Amino acid sequence: MSELVREIVEVNASIDGDEENPLLVVEVEGLAPTAGWANIRLDPHVYITPPDDGVQDFDLVGDRPQDAAEVLSEVEAAWEGPLLDWCIGVRIHAVDNLIEDEVFEPWDEDDDESEAA
């Protein structure tokens, strides 16, 4: 059975693809409470209506081994999917903490620079 890992260490959210088909890419590093966790992944929260804050929530989860030594172990997960038009950031949840990261559309930065010139 899957459960939240212990702690989020680092989150990197970015946008890939192009303006017509943008992709949200999320990479996370965390700590599990024991060695031997399997099936580490980011589970996105599903919304009926978009959240007011524009932040997509994810849970960093995995499968805990039956009999493992109590020692913090590094884990990693990544998720890639369509960038929804309301999404301005991500929030990753673990047992002991959560970390947020904003996402920026790379093509908007180029547009702003050319308008300023």
C-alpha atoms as a PDB file:
ATOM      1  CA  MET A   1       0.000   0.000   0.000  1.00  0.00           C
ATOM      2  CA  SER A   2       1.326   3.444  -0.922  1.00  0.00           C
ATOM      3  CA  GLU A   3       1.976   6.178   1.597  1.00  0.00           C
ATOM      4  CA  LEU A   4       3.596   9.609   1.773  1.00  0.00           C
ATOM      5  CA  VAL A   5       7.369   9.734   2.068  1.00  0.00           C
ATOM      6  CA  ARG A   6       8.891  11.497   5.078  1.00  0.00           C
ATOM      7  CA  GLU A   7      10.265  14.756   3.689  1.00  0.00           C
ATOM      8  CA  ILE A   8      10.611  16.833   0.516  1.00  0.00           C
ATOM      9  CA  VAL A   9      14.171  18.070  -0.053  1.00  0.00           C
ATOM     10  CA  GLU A  10      13.990  19.796  -3.441  1.00  0.00           C
ATOM     11  CA  VAL A  11      11.378  20.608  -6.088  1.00  0.00           C
ATOM     12  CA  ASN A  12      11.977  21.760  -9.658  1.00  0.00           C
ATOM     13  CA  ALA A  13       8.986  22.651 -11.798  1.00  0.00           C
ATOM     14  CA  SER A  14       9.340  23.772 -15.384  1.00  0.00           C
ATOM     15  CA  ILE A  15       7.465  24.044 -18.627  1.00  0.00           C
ATOM     16  CA  ASP A  16       8.464  22.110 -21.713  1.00  0.00           C
ATOM     17  CA  GLY A  17       6.917  21.897 -25.153  1.00  0.00           C
ATOM     18  CA  ASP A  18       5.603  24.959 -26.960  1.00  0.00           C
ATOM     19  CA  GLU A  19       2.807  27.525 -26.631  1.00  0.00           C
ATOM     20  CA  GLU A  20       0.266  25.259 -28.306  1.00  0.00           C
ATOM     21  CA  ASN A  21       1.157  22.111 -26.319  1.00  0.00           C
ATOM     22  CA  PRO A  22       2.843  23.138 -23.061  1.00  0.00           C
ATOM     23  CA  LEU A  23       3.887  20.398 -20.661  1.00  0.00           C
ATOM     24  CA  LEU A  24       4.354  20.754 -16.926  1.00  0.00           C
ATOM     25  CA  VAL A  25       7.477  18.905 -15.761  1.00  0.00           C
ATOM     26  CA  VAL A  26       7.965  18.318 -12.022  1.00  0.00           C
ATOM     27  CA  GLU A  27      11.056  16.706 -10.489  1.00  0.00           C
ATOM     28  CA  VAL A  28      11.307  16.026  -6.758  1.00  0.00           C
ATOM     29  CA  GLU A  29      13.929  14.751  -4.345  1.00  0.00           C
ATOM     30  CA  GLY A  30      12.875  13.536  -0.927  1.00  0.00           C
ATOM     31  CA  LEU A  31      13.654  11.301   2.013  1.00  0.00           C
ATOM     32  CA  ALA A  32      11.868   8.064   2.885  1.00  0.00           C
ATOM     33  CA  PRO A  33      11.918   6.870   6.512  1.00  0.00           C
ATOM     34  CA  THR A  34      13.434   3.477   5.655  1.00  0.00           C
ATOM     35  CA  ALA A  35      15.502   1.854   2.925  1.00  0.00           C
ATOM     36  CA  GLY A  36      13.908  -0.153   0.132  1.00  0.00           C
ATOM     37  CA  TRP A  37      10.911   1.957  -0.866  1.00  0.00           C
ATOM     38  CA  ALA A  38       9.528   1.092  -4.308  1.00  0.00           C
ATOM     39  CA  ASN A  39       7.217   2.661  -6.863  1.00  0.00           C
ATOM     40  CA  ILE A  40       8.132   6.231  -5.843  1.00  0.00           C
ATOM     41  CA  ARG A  41       5.927   8.674  -7.730  1.00  0.00           C
ATOM     42  CA  LEU A  42       4.124  11.985  -7.731  1.00  0.00           C
ATOM     43  CA  ASP A  43       0.348  11.629  -7.470  1.00  0.00           C
ATOM     44  CA  PRO A  44      -1.399  14.798  -8.681  1.00  0.00           C
ATOM     45  CA  HIS A  45      -4.470  15.978  -6.798  1.00  0.00           C
ATOM     46  CA  VAL A  46      -7.554  15.976  -9.023  1.00  0.00           C
ATOM     47  CA  TYR A  47      -9.768  19.068  -8.895  1.00  0.00           C
ATOM     48  CA  ILE A  48     -13.412  19.467  -9.833  1.00  0.00           C
ATOM     49  CA  THR A  49     -12.833  23.213 -10.119  1.00  0.00           C
ATOM     50  CA  PRO A  50      -9.373  24.802 -10.393  1.00  0.00           C
ATOM     51  CA  PRO A  51      -7.889  25.891  -7.043  1.00  0.00           C
ATOM     52  CA  ASP A  52      -8.138  29.614  -6.246  1.00  0.00           C
ATOM     53  CA  ASP A  53      -4.383  29.913  -5.723  1.00  0.00           C
ATOM     54  CA  GLY A  54      -3.533  28.339  -9.109  1.00  0.00           C
ATOM     55  CA  VAL A  55      -1.226  25.754  -7.528  1.00  0.00           C
ATOM     56  CA  GLN A  56      -1.305  22.095  -8.572  1.00  0.00           C
ATOM     57  CA  ASP A  57      -0.824  19.828  -5.545  1.00  0.00           C
ATOM     58  CA  PHE A  58       1.040  16.515  -5.675  1.00  0.00           C
ATOM     59  CA  ASP A  59       1.753  13.842  -3.070  1.00  0.00           C
ATOM     60  CA  LEU A  60       5.198  12.213  -3.087  1.00  0.00           C
ATOM     61  CA  VAL A  61       4.305   8.595  -2.362  1.00  0.00           C
ATOM     62  CA  GLY A  62       5.753   5.128  -2.562  1.00  0.00           C
ATOM     63  CA  ASP A  63       5.435   1.587  -1.266  1.00  0.00           C
ATOM     64  CA  ARG A  64       7.091   0.936   2.108  1.00  0.00           C
ATOM     65  CA  PRO A  65       8.980  -2.361   2.434  1.00  0.00           C
ATOM     66  CA  GLN A  66       7.809  -4.898   5.026  1.00  0.00           C
ATOM     67  CA  ASP A  67      10.914  -5.188   7.199  1.00  0.00           C
ATOM     68  CA  ALA A  68      13.449  -2.427   6.591  1.00  0.00           C
ATOM     69  CA  ALA A  69      15.962  -0.648   8.767  1.00  0.00           C
ATOM     70  CA  GLU A  70      14.905   2.750  10.097  1.00  0.00           C
ATOM     71  CA  VAL A  71      17.308   4.954   8.137  1.00  0.00           C
ATOM     72  CA  LEU A  72      16.495   7.979   5.989  1.00  0.00           C
ATOM     73  CA  SER A  73      16.886   7.066   2.322  1.00  0.00           C
ATOM     74  CA  GLU A  74      16.975   9.368  -0.695  1.00  0.00           C
ATOM     75  CA  VAL A  75      14.144   8.989  -3.207  1.00  0.00           C
ATOM     76  CA  GLU A  76      13.326  10.755  -6.466  1.00  0.00           C
ATOM     77  CA  ALA A  77      10.239  11.089  -8.612  1.00  0.00           C
ATOM     78  CA  ALA A  78       9.204  12.954 -11.724  1.00  0.00           C
ATOM     79  CA  TRP A  79       5.884  13.763 -13.369  1.00  0.00           C
ATOM     80  CA  GLU A  80       5.080  15.154 -16.787  1.00  0.00           C
ATOM     81  CA  GLY A  81       1.679  16.117 -18.113  1.00  0.00           C
ATOM     82  CA  PRO A  82      -0.308  18.845 -19.795  1.00  0.00           C
ATOM     83  CA  LEU A  83       0.030  22.332 -18.336  1.00  0.00           C
ATOM     84  CA  LEU A  84      -3.462  23.479 -17.407  1.00  0.00           C
ATOM     85  CA  ASP A  85      -4.202  27.130 -18.170  1.00  0.00           C
ATOM     86  CA  TRP A  86      -4.826  27.988 -14.495  1.00  0.00           C
ATOM     87  CA  CYS A  87      -1.588  26.457 -13.149  1.00  0.00           C
ATOM     88  CA  ILE A  88       1.013  28.955 -11.890  1.00  0.00           C
ATOM     89  CA  GLY A  89       2.900  26.637  -9.534  1.00  0.00           C
ATOM     90  CA  VAL A  90       3.159  23.272  -7.839  1.00  0.00           C
ATOM     91  CA  ARG A  91       3.015  22.162  -4.208  1.00  0.00           C
ATOM     92  CA  ILE A  92       4.518  18.811  -3.183  1.00  0.00           C
ATOM     93  CA  HIS A  93       3.344  17.150   0.050  1.00  0.00           C
ATOM     94  CA  ALA A  94       5.192  14.738   2.367  1.00  0.00           C
ATOM     95  CA  VAL A  95       4.615  13.677   5.973  1.00  0.00           C
ATOM     96  CA  ASP A  96       6.817  16.331   7.598  1.00  0.00           C
ATOM     97  CA  ASN A  97       6.703  19.211   5.110  1.00  0.00           C
ATOM     98  CA  LEU A  98       5.633  20.610   1.757  1.00  0.00           C
ATOM     99  CA  ILE A  99       7.477  22.689  -0.802  1.00  0.00           C
ATOM    100  CA  GLU A 100       6.074  25.006  -3.476  1.00  0.00           C
ATOM    101  CA  ASP A 101       7.662  26.087  -6.752  1.00  0.00           C
ATOM    102  CA  GLU A 102       6.375  28.555  -9.341  1.00  0.00           C
ATOM    103  CA  VAL A 103       6.315  27.777 -13.029  1.00  0.00           C
ATOM    104  CA  PHE A 104       6.994  30.337 -15.716  1.00  0.00           C
ATOM    105  CA  GLU A 105       6.130  30.119 -19.382  1.00  0.00           C
ATOM    106  CA  PRO A 106       9.444  30.467 -21.205  1.00  0.00           C
ATOM    107  CA  TRP A 107       7.876  32.067 -24.265  1.00  0.00           C
ATOM    108  CA  ASP A 108       6.395  34.907 -22.149  1.00  0.00           C
ATOM    109  CA  GLU A 109       9.889  36.005 -21.072  1.00  0.00           C
ATOM    110  CA  ASP A 110      10.943  36.444 -24.723  1.00  0.00           C
ATOM    111  CA  ASP A 111       7.775  38.437 -25.460  1.00  0.00           C
ATOM    112  CA  ASP A 112       8.422  40.770 -22.497  1.00  0.00           C
ATOM    113  CA  GLU A 113      12.010  41.399 -23.580  1.00  0.00           C
ATOM    114  CA  SER A 114      11.021  42.254 -27.160  1.00  0.00           C
ATOM    115  CA  GLU A 115       8.265  44.618 -25.942  1.00  0.00           C
ATOM    116  CA  ALA A 116      10.734  46.434 -23.646  1.00  0.00           C
ATOM    117  CA  ALA A 117      13.169  47.108 -26.503  1.00  0.00           C
END
